[in-house]
PDB file of N, CA and C in Angstrom:
ATOM      1  N   UNK A   1      35.778   7.383 -28.495  1.00  0.00           N
ATOM      2  CA  UNK A   1      35.221   8.548 -27.834  1.00  0.00           C
ATOM      3  C   UNK A   1      33.730   8.696 -28.140  1.00  0.00           C
ATOM      4  N   UNK A   2      33.338   8.455 -29.372  1.00  0.00           N
ATOM      5  CA  UNK A   2      31.964   8.551 -29.762  1.00  0.00           C
ATOM      6  C   UNK A   2      31.083   7.542 -29.040  1.00  0.00           C
ATOM      7  N   UNK A   3      31.621   6.357 -28.808  1.00  0.00           N
ATOM      8  CA  UNK A   3      30.876   5.308 -28.109  1.00  0.00           C
ATOM      9  C   UNK A   3      30.567   5.769 -26.691  1.00  0.00           C
ATOM     10  N   UNK A   4      31.508   6.372 -26.007  1.00  0.00           N
ATOM     11  CA  UNK A   4      31.315   6.855 -24.644  1.00  0.00           C
ATOM     12  C   UNK A   4      30.267   7.954 -24.609  1.00  0.00           C
ATOM     13  N   UNK A   5      30.346   8.887 -25.574  1.00  0.00           N
ATOM     14  CA  UNK A   5      29.348   9.969 -25.629  1.00  0.00           C
ATOM     15  C   UNK A   5      27.935   9.400 -25.874  1.00  0.00           C
ATOM     16  N   UNK A   6      27.833   8.460 -26.773  1.00  0.00           N
ATOM     17  CA  UNK A   6      26.541   7.810 -27.024  1.00  0.00           C
ATOM     18  C   UNK A   6      25.997   7.115 -25.794  1.00  0.00           C
ATOM     19  N   UNK A   7      26.873   6.454 -25.067  1.00  0.00           N
ATOM     20  CA  UNK A   7      26.471   5.720 -23.863  1.00  0.00           C
ATOM     21  C   UNK A   7      25.954   6.721 -22.807  1.00  0.00           C
ATOM     22  N   UNK A   8      26.656   7.826 -22.610  1.00  0.00           N
ATOM     23  CA  UNK A   8      26.239   8.778 -21.597  1.00  0.00           C
ATOM     24  C   UNK A   8      24.964   9.555 -21.995  1.00  0.00           C
ATOM     25  N   UNK A   9      24.718   9.687 -23.272  1.00  0.00           N
ATOM     26  CA  UNK A   9      23.484  10.370 -23.714  1.00  0.00           C
ATOM     27  C   UNK A   9      22.278   9.457 -23.874  1.00  0.00           C
ATOM     28  N   UNK A  10      22.500   8.157 -23.769  1.00  0.00           N
ATOM     29  CA  UNK A  10      21.424   7.201 -23.917  1.00  0.00           C
ATOM     30  C   UNK A  10      20.491   7.243 -22.675  1.00  0.00           C
ATOM     31  N   UNK A  11      19.206   7.551 -22.892  1.00  0.00           N
ATOM     32  CA  UNK A  11      18.222   7.642 -21.815  1.00  0.00           C
ATOM     33  C   UNK A  11      17.093   6.610 -21.989  1.00  0.00           C
ATOM     34  N   UNK A  12      17.428   5.520 -22.594  1.00  0.00           N
ATOM     35  CA  UNK A  12      16.413   4.485 -22.937  1.00  0.00           C
ATOM     36  C   UNK A  12      15.834   3.863 -21.697  1.00  0.00           C
ATOM     37  N   UNK A  13      16.567   3.555 -20.698  1.00  0.00           N
ATOM     38  CA  UNK A  13      16.075   2.863 -19.493  1.00  0.00           C
ATOM     39  C   UNK A  13      15.612   3.785 -18.370  1.00  0.00           C
ATOM     40  N   UNK A  14      15.680   5.081 -18.590  1.00  0.00           N
ATOM     41  CA  UNK A  14      15.339   6.052 -17.560  1.00  0.00           C
ATOM     42  C   UNK A  14      13.892   5.952 -17.118  1.00  0.00           C
ATOM     43  N   UNK A  15      12.955   5.797 -18.065  1.00  0.00           N
ATOM     44  CA  UNK A  15      11.568   5.735 -17.755  1.00  0.00           C
ATOM     45  C   UNK A  15      11.259   4.542 -16.828  1.00  0.00           C
ATOM     46  N   UNK A  16      11.885   3.409 -17.117  1.00  0.00           N
ATOM     47  CA  UNK A  16      11.641   2.205 -16.329  1.00  0.00           C
ATOM     48  C   UNK A  16      12.047   2.419 -14.893  1.00  0.00           C
ATOM     49  N   UNK A  17      13.171   3.058 -14.687  1.00  0.00           N
ATOM     50  CA  UNK A  17      13.652   3.325 -13.324  1.00  0.00           C
ATOM     51  C   UNK A  17      12.678   4.298 -12.607  1.00  0.00           C
ATOM     52  N   UNK A  18      12.221   5.324 -13.289  1.00  0.00           N
ATOM     53  CA  UNK A  18      11.350   6.283 -12.710  1.00  0.00           C
ATOM     54  C   UNK A  18      10.014   5.651 -12.274  1.00  0.00           C
ATOM     55  N   UNK A  19       9.440   4.812 -13.171  1.00  0.00           N
ATOM     56  CA  UNK A  19       8.191   4.171 -12.841  1.00  0.00           C
ATOM     57  C   UNK A  19       8.354   3.140 -11.727  1.00  0.00           C
ATOM     58  N   UNK A  20       9.476   2.483 -11.678  1.00  0.00           N
ATOM     59  CA  UNK A  20       9.759   1.540 -10.581  1.00  0.00           C
ATOM     60  C   UNK A  20       9.831   2.243  -9.242  1.00  0.00           C
ATOM     61  N   UNK A  21      10.531   3.388  -9.201  1.00  0.00           N
ATOM     62  CA  UNK A  21      10.614   4.149  -7.973  1.00  0.00           C
ATOM     63  C   UNK A  21       9.236   4.683  -7.564  1.00  0.00           C
ATOM     64  N   UNK A  22       8.447   5.113  -8.505  1.00  0.00           N
ATOM     65  CA  UNK A  22       7.098   5.571  -8.227  1.00  0.00           C
ATOM     66  C   UNK A  22       6.245   4.500  -7.638  1.00  0.00           C
ATOM     67  N   UNK A  23       6.326   3.304  -8.248  1.00  0.00           N
ATOM     68  CA  UNK A  23       5.536   2.179  -7.728  1.00  0.00           C
ATOM     69  C   UNK A  23       5.999   1.749  -6.340  1.00  0.00           C
ATOM     70  N   UNK A  24       7.284   1.826  -6.074  1.00  0.00           N
ATOM     71  CA  UNK A  24       7.780   1.518  -4.750  1.00  0.00           C
ATOM     72  C   UNK A  24       7.283   2.502  -3.716  1.00  0.00           C
ATOM     73  N   UNK A  25       7.262   3.753  -4.074  1.00  0.00           N
ATOM     74  CA  UNK A  25       6.754   4.805  -3.150  1.00  0.00           C
ATOM     75  C   UNK A  25       5.280   4.586  -2.880  1.00  0.00           C
ATOM     76  N   UNK A  26       4.492   4.278  -3.871  1.00  0.00           N
ATOM     77  CA  UNK A  26       3.044   4.054  -3.678  1.00  0.00           C
ATOM     78  C   UNK A  26       2.834   2.820  -2.826  1.00  0.00           C
ATOM     79  N   UNK A  27       3.598   1.769  -3.014  1.00  0.00           N
ATOM     80  CA  UNK A  27       3.491   0.554  -2.193  1.00  0.00           C
ATOM     81  C   UNK A  27       3.831   0.825  -0.734  1.00  0.00           C
ATOM     82  N   UNK A  28       4.845   1.585  -0.491  1.00  0.00           N
ATOM     83  CA  UNK A  28       5.238   1.898   0.901  1.00  0.00           C
ATOM     84  C   UNK A  28       4.179   2.783   1.583  1.00  0.00           C
ATOM     85  N   UNK A  29       3.646   3.723   0.840  1.00  0.00           N
ATOM     86  CA  UNK A  29       2.601   4.601   1.379  1.00  0.00           C
ATOM     87  C   UNK A  29       1.350   3.772   1.710  1.00  0.00           C
ATOM     88  N   UNK A  30       0.986   2.880   0.803  1.00  0.00           N
ATOM     89  CA  UNK A  30      -0.176   2.021   1.047  1.00  0.00           C
ATOM     90  C   UNK A  30       0.014   1.115   2.247  1.00  0.00           C
ATOM     91  N   UNK A  31       1.189   0.549   2.366  1.00  0.00           N
ATOM     92  CA  UNK A  31       1.485  -0.310   3.522  1.00  0.00           C
ATOM     93  C   UNK A  31       1.420   0.478   4.797  1.00  0.00           C
ATOM     94  N   UNK A  32       1.936   1.680   4.843  1.00  0.00           N
ATOM     95  CA  UNK A  32       1.897   2.465   6.053  1.00  0.00           C
ATOM     96  C   UNK A  32       0.469   2.835   6.374  1.00  0.00           C
ATOM     97  N   UNK A  33      -0.353   3.092   5.377  1.00  0.00           N
ATOM     98  CA  UNK A  33      -1.748   3.416   5.614  1.00  0.00           C
ATOM     99  C   UNK A  33      -2.514   2.244   6.198  1.00  0.00           C
ATOM    100  N   UNK A  34      -2.276   1.034   5.647  1.00  0.00           N
ATOM    101  CA  UNK A  34      -2.956  -0.129   6.117  1.00  0.00           C
ATOM    102  C   UNK A  34      -2.521  -0.516   7.534  1.00  0.00           C
ATOM    103  N   UNK A  35      -1.272  -0.296   7.860  1.00  0.00           N
ATOM    104  CA  UNK A  35      -0.794  -0.630   9.207  1.00  0.00           C
ATOM    105  C   UNK A  35      -1.409   0.331  10.230  1.00  0.00           C
ATOM    106  N   UNK A  36      -1.516   1.600   9.826  1.00  0.00           N
ATOM    107  CA  UNK A  36      -2.131   2.600  10.697  1.00  0.00           C
ATOM    108  C   UNK A  36      -3.613   2.397  10.928  1.00  0.00           C
ATOM    109  N   UNK A  37      -4.279   1.905   9.921  1.00  0.00           N
ATOM    110  CA  UNK A  37      -5.743   1.689  10.000  1.00  0.00           C
ATOM    111  C   UNK A  37      -6.109   0.295  10.580  1.00  0.00           C
ATOM    112  N   UNK A  38      -5.142  -0.525  10.759  1.00  0.00           N
ATOM    113  CA  UNK A  38      -5.405  -1.864  11.277  1.00  0.00           C
ATOM    114  C   UNK A  38      -6.114  -1.897  12.653  1.00  0.00           C
ATOM    115  N   UNK A  39      -5.646  -1.051  13.565  1.00  0.00           N
ATOM    116  CA  UNK A  39      -6.217  -0.980  14.905  1.00  0.00           C
ATOM    117  C   UNK A  39      -7.657  -0.486  14.828  1.00  0.00           C
ATOM    118  N   UNK A  40      -7.963   0.465  14.039  1.00  0.00           N
ATOM    119  CA  UNK A  40      -9.325   0.992  13.898  1.00  0.00           C
ATOM    120  C   UNK A  40     -10.254  -0.051  13.350  1.00  0.00           C
ATOM    121  N   UNK A  41      -9.821  -0.770  12.338  1.00  0.00           N
ATOM    122  CA  UNK A  41     -10.655  -1.777  11.711  1.00  0.00           C
ATOM    123  C   UNK A  41     -10.926  -2.911  12.721  1.00  0.00           C
ATOM    124  N   UNK A  42      -9.897  -3.284  13.485  1.00  0.00           N
ATOM    125  CA  UNK A  42     -10.076  -4.315  14.467  1.00  0.00           C
ATOM    126  C   UNK A  42     -11.079  -3.902  15.536  1.00  0.00           C
ATOM    127  N   UNK A  43     -11.026  -2.642  15.927  1.00  0.00           N
ATOM    128  CA  UNK A  43     -11.990  -2.145  16.884  1.00  0.00           C
ATOM    129  C   UNK A  43     -13.418  -2.165  16.370  1.00  0.00           C
ATOM    130  N   UNK A  44     -13.577  -1.796  15.144  1.00  0.00           N
ATOM    131  CA  UNK A  44     -14.897  -1.816  14.497  1.00  0.00           C
ATOM    132  C   UNK A  44     -15.473  -3.213  14.433  1.00  0.00           C
ATOM    133  N   UNK A  45     -14.640  -4.189  14.003  1.00  0.00           N
ATOM    134  CA  UNK A  45     -15.102  -5.538  13.921  1.00  0.00           C
ATOM    135  C   UNK A  45     -15.428  -6.137  15.289  1.00  0.00           C
ATOM    136  N   UNK A  46     -14.629  -5.746  16.298  1.00  0.00           N
ATOM    137  CA  UNK A  46     -14.894  -6.227  17.642  1.00  0.00           C
ATOM    138  C   UNK A  46     -16.228  -5.731  18.177  1.00  0.00           C
ATOM    139  N   UNK A  47     -16.514  -4.415  17.970  1.00  0.00           N
ATOM    140  CA  UNK A  47     -17.746  -3.848  18.396  1.00  0.00           C
ATOM    141  C   UNK A  47     -18.924  -4.502  17.685  1.00  0.00           C
ATOM    142  N   UNK A  48     -18.797  -4.692  16.371  1.00  0.00           N
ATOM    143  CA  UNK A  48     -19.859  -5.317  15.609  1.00  0.00           C
ATOM    144  C   UNK A  48     -20.114  -6.726  16.083  1.00  0.00           C
ATOM    145  N   UNK A  49     -19.073  -7.454  16.368  1.00  0.00           N
ATOM    146  CA  UNK A  49     -19.216  -8.833  16.828  1.00  0.00           C
ATOM    147  C   UNK A  49     -19.934  -8.861  18.195  1.00  0.00           C
ATOM    148  N   UNK A  50     -19.573  -7.957  19.070  1.00  0.00           N
ATOM    149  CA  UNK A  50     -20.239  -7.887  20.387  1.00  0.00           C
ATOM    150  C   UNK A  50     -21.714  -7.576  20.233  1.00  0.00           C
ATOM    151  N   UNK A  51     -22.068  -6.622  19.370  1.00  0.00           N
ATOM    152  CA  UNK A  51     -23.483  -6.267  19.169  1.00  0.00           C
ATOM    153  C   UNK A  51     -24.258  -7.397  18.532  1.00  0.00           C
ATOM    154  N   UNK A  52     -23.642  -8.124  17.592  1.00  0.00           N
ATOM    155  CA  UNK A  52     -24.323  -9.253  16.994  1.00  0.00           C
ATOM    156  C   UNK A  52     -24.545 -10.396  17.990  1.00  0.00           C
ATOM    157  N   UNK A  53     -23.558 -10.627  18.827  1.00  0.00           N
ATOM    158  CA  UNK A  53     -23.692 -11.665  19.854  1.00  0.00           C
ATOM    159  C   UNK A  53     -24.795 -11.284  20.828  1.00  0.00           C
ATOM    160  N   UNK A  54     -24.861 -10.001  21.196  1.00  0.00           N
ATOM    161  CA  UNK A  54     -25.924  -9.533  22.119  1.00  0.00           C
ATOM    162  C   UNK A  54     -27.304  -9.689  21.477  1.00  0.00           C
ATOM    163  N   UNK A  55     -27.402  -9.330  20.177  1.00  0.00           N
ATOM    164  CA  UNK A  55     -28.676  -9.443  19.489  1.00  0.00           C
ATOM    165  C   UNK A  55     -29.088 -10.904  19.353  1.00  0.00           C
ATOM    166  N   UNK A  56     -28.111 -11.789  19.133  1.00  0.00           N
ATOM    167  CA  UNK A  56     -28.413 -13.241  19.026  1.00  0.00           C
ATOM    168  C   UNK A  56     -28.879 -13.758  20.370  1.00  0.00           C
ATOM    169  N   UNK A  57     -28.314 -13.343  21.454  1.00  0.00           N
ATOM    170  CA  UNK A  57     -28.752 -13.769  22.800  1.00  0.00           C
ATOM    171  C   UNK A  57     -30.134 -13.250  23.087  1.00  0.00           C
ATOM    172  N   UNK A  58     -30.415 -12.009  22.761  1.00  0.00           N
ATOM    173  CA  UNK A  58     -31.682 -11.412  23.035  1.00  0.00           C
ATOM    174  C   UNK A  58     -32.796 -12.063  22.180  1.00  0.00           C
ATOM    175  N   UNK A  59     -32.449 -12.491  20.976  1.00  0.00           N
ATOM    176  CA  UNK A  59     -33.441 -13.130  20.107  1.00  0.00           C
ATOM    177  C   UNK A  59     -33.771 -14.558  20.503  1.00  0.00           C
ATOM    178  N   UNK A  60     -32.876 -15.179  21.230  1.00  0.00           N
ATOM    179  CA  UNK A  60     -33.078 -16.594  21.589  1.00  0.00           C
ATOM    180  C   UNK A  60     -34.018 -16.745  22.666  1.00  0.00           C
TER     181      UNK A  60
END
């Protein structure tokens, strides 16, 4: 009976599980943020590329 009580009261691995869940949440939030910002970044690079190509043509 004492062994079962000791097992139920043992909280040695609890911190590891909490930190793992926290890291998983941060990773999912970051992935969602990057996916949402992907279209905006693509638009910015496209506009920049167009302007640089125009400047290169004008300079030639």
